[in-house]
Amino acid sequence: MSKFKQRANTNIMHRLRKSASETVSFTSNLRNYKQFQRKQAFYEWFSKFRGGYESLEDESHSGRPSTSSNERMVEQVKQLNRSDRRMAIDELVQEVGICHGSIYTILSDYLKD
């Protein structure tokens, strides 16, 4: 489930006057629902909604942009993955030259086929 949908569900549960722990309990009982979000992030969003925050989007913040999940890296991982579907993440790290987390992000977020 996308972060946007998770936040929408959190907002709905808040509007139904459910507590944060009731919401976590409810969402953890949903079928095929792995982990809601990081618990800390969930409680932060629940607190924002309780304080009157309405938007489901992240606030803009300064920081360094991601350089390892750009189009060039995604395409390189895609080509390697298509040429050998059994290639391990460690092998992809060696070939592409980016960290495990970035490889995993590319595989799970950009190449879900």
Protein backbone atom coordinates (compact mmCIF):
# COMPACT_ATOMS: atom_id res chain seq x y z
CA MET A 1 0.00 0.00 0.00
CA SER A 2 1.35 3.41 -0.90
CA LYS A 3 2.32 5.99 1.69
CA PHE A 4 -0.47 8.24 0.40
CA LYS A 5 -3.11 5.53 1.01
CA GLN A 6 -1.65 4.77 4.43
CA ARG A 7 -1.90 8.43 5.38
CA ALA A 8 -5.46 8.63 4.03
CA ASN A 9 -6.44 5.61 6.13
CA THR A 10 -4.79 7.17 9.18
CA ASN A 11 -6.72 10.39 8.58
CA ILE A 12 -10.01 8.49 8.22
CA MET A 13 -9.42 6.58 11.45
CA HIS A 14 -8.61 9.88 13.19
CA ARG A 15 -11.84 11.42 11.90
CA LEU A 16 -13.71 8.38 13.25
CA ARG A 17 -12.23 9.36 16.62
CA LYS A 18 -10.15 6.20 16.89
CA SER A 19 -6.98 6.34 18.95
CA ALA A 20 -3.55 5.78 17.45
CA SER A 21 -3.27 2.36 19.09
CA GLU A 22 -6.75 1.35 17.83
CA THR A 23 -5.70 2.39 14.33
CA VAL A 24 -2.48 0.38 14.49
CA SER A 25 -4.42 -2.63 15.79
CA PHE A 26 -7.04 -2.30 13.05
CA THR A 27 -4.52 -1.97 10.23
CA SER A 28 -2.38 -4.82 11.50
CA ASN A 29 -5.47 -7.08 11.33
CA LEU A 30 -6.14 -6.28 7.67
CA ARG A 31 -5.52 -9.14 5.28
CA ASN A 32 -2.32 -8.93 3.21
CA TYR A 33 -1.29 -5.82 5.08
CA LYS A 34 2.34 -6.14 6.06
CA GLN A 35 3.45 -3.29 8.24
CA PHE A 36 1.59 0.00 8.30
CA GLN A 37 4.56 2.33 8.21
CA ARG A 38 7.44 2.72 10.52
CA LYS A 39 5.62 3.08 13.84
CA GLN A 40 7.34 6.37 14.55
CA ALA A 41 6.17 7.79 11.20
CA PHE A 42 2.65 6.53 11.84
CA TYR A 43 2.45 8.25 15.23
CA GLU A 44 3.89 11.46 13.75
CA TRP A 45 1.17 11.51 11.06
CA PHE A 46 -1.53 10.67 13.59
CA SER A 47 -0.32 13.57 15.74
CA LYS A 48 -0.36 15.91 12.73
CA PHE A 49 -3.98 15.00 11.95
CA ARG A 50 -4.94 15.42 15.59
CA GLY A 51 -3.41 18.91 15.45
CA GLY A 52 -5.57 19.85 12.46
CA TYR A 53 -3.18 19.09 9.59
CA GLU A 54 -5.26 18.13 6.54
CA SER A 55 -2.81 17.42 3.70
CA LEU A 56 -1.69 13.88 2.95
CA GLU A 57 1.47 15.06 1.20
CA ASP A 58 4.90 15.42 2.77
CA GLU A 59 5.98 18.94 3.59
CA SER A 60 8.85 20.14 1.46
CA HIS A 61 12.18 20.01 3.22
CA SER A 62 15.73 20.80 2.44
CA GLY A 63 18.20 18.05 2.06
CA ARG A 64 20.26 16.21 -0.40
CA PRO A 65 18.32 14.70 -3.32
CA SER A 66 18.63 11.01 -4.02
CA THR A 67 21.31 10.39 -6.61
CA SER A 68 21.18 6.62 -6.73
CA SER A 69 17.55 6.24 -7.82
CA ASN A 70 17.81 8.37 -10.95
CA GLU A 71 16.68 7.24 -14.40
CA ARG A 72 20.15 6.08 -15.44
CA MET A 73 20.54 3.82 -12.39
CA VAL A 74 16.98 2.49 -12.72
CA GLU A 75 17.59 1.63 -16.37
CA GLN A 76 20.92 -0.05 -15.57
CA VAL A 77 19.34 -2.20 -12.84
CA LYS A 78 16.41 -2.97 -15.14
CA GLN A 79 18.72 -4.20 -17.92
CA LEU A 80 20.78 -6.35 -15.54
CA ASN A 81 17.64 -7.75 -13.93
CA ARG A 82 16.11 -8.62 -17.30
CA SER A 83 19.30 -10.26 -18.55
CA ASP A 84 19.55 -12.47 -15.45
CA ARG A 85 16.46 -12.65 -13.24
CA ARG A 86 18.36 -14.76 -10.72
CA MET A 87 21.09 -12.19 -10.11
CA ALA A 88 21.45 -11.56 -6.38
CA ILE A 89 21.24 -8.09 -4.89
CA ASP A 90 24.93 -8.37 -3.90
CA GLU A 91 25.81 -8.94 -7.55
CA LEU A 92 23.71 -5.94 -8.62
CA VAL A 93 25.51 -3.81 -6.00
CA GLN A 94 28.85 -4.84 -7.47
CA GLU A 95 27.76 -4.23 -11.08
CA VAL A 96 25.98 -0.89 -10.60
CA GLY A 97 28.05 0.53 -7.75
CA ILE A 98 25.27 1.72 -5.45
CA CYS A 99 24.24 0.51 -1.99
CA HIS A 100 21.97 -2.42 -1.14
CA GLY A 101 19.15 -0.14 0.00
CA SER A 102 19.13 1.74 -3.29
CA ILE A 103 19.08 -1.50 -5.29
CA TYR A 104 16.21 -2.77 -3.17
CA THR A 105 14.32 0.53 -3.61
CA ILE A 106 14.75 0.40 -7.37
CA LEU A 107 13.61 -3.21 -7.55
CA SER A 108 10.59 -2.72 -5.29
CA ASP A 109 9.45 0.78 -6.29
CA TYR A 110 10.45 1.15 -9.94
CA LEU A 111 10.57 -2.38 -11.33
CA LYS A 112 7.50 -4.11 -9.93
CA ASP A 113 6.65 -6.41 -12.82
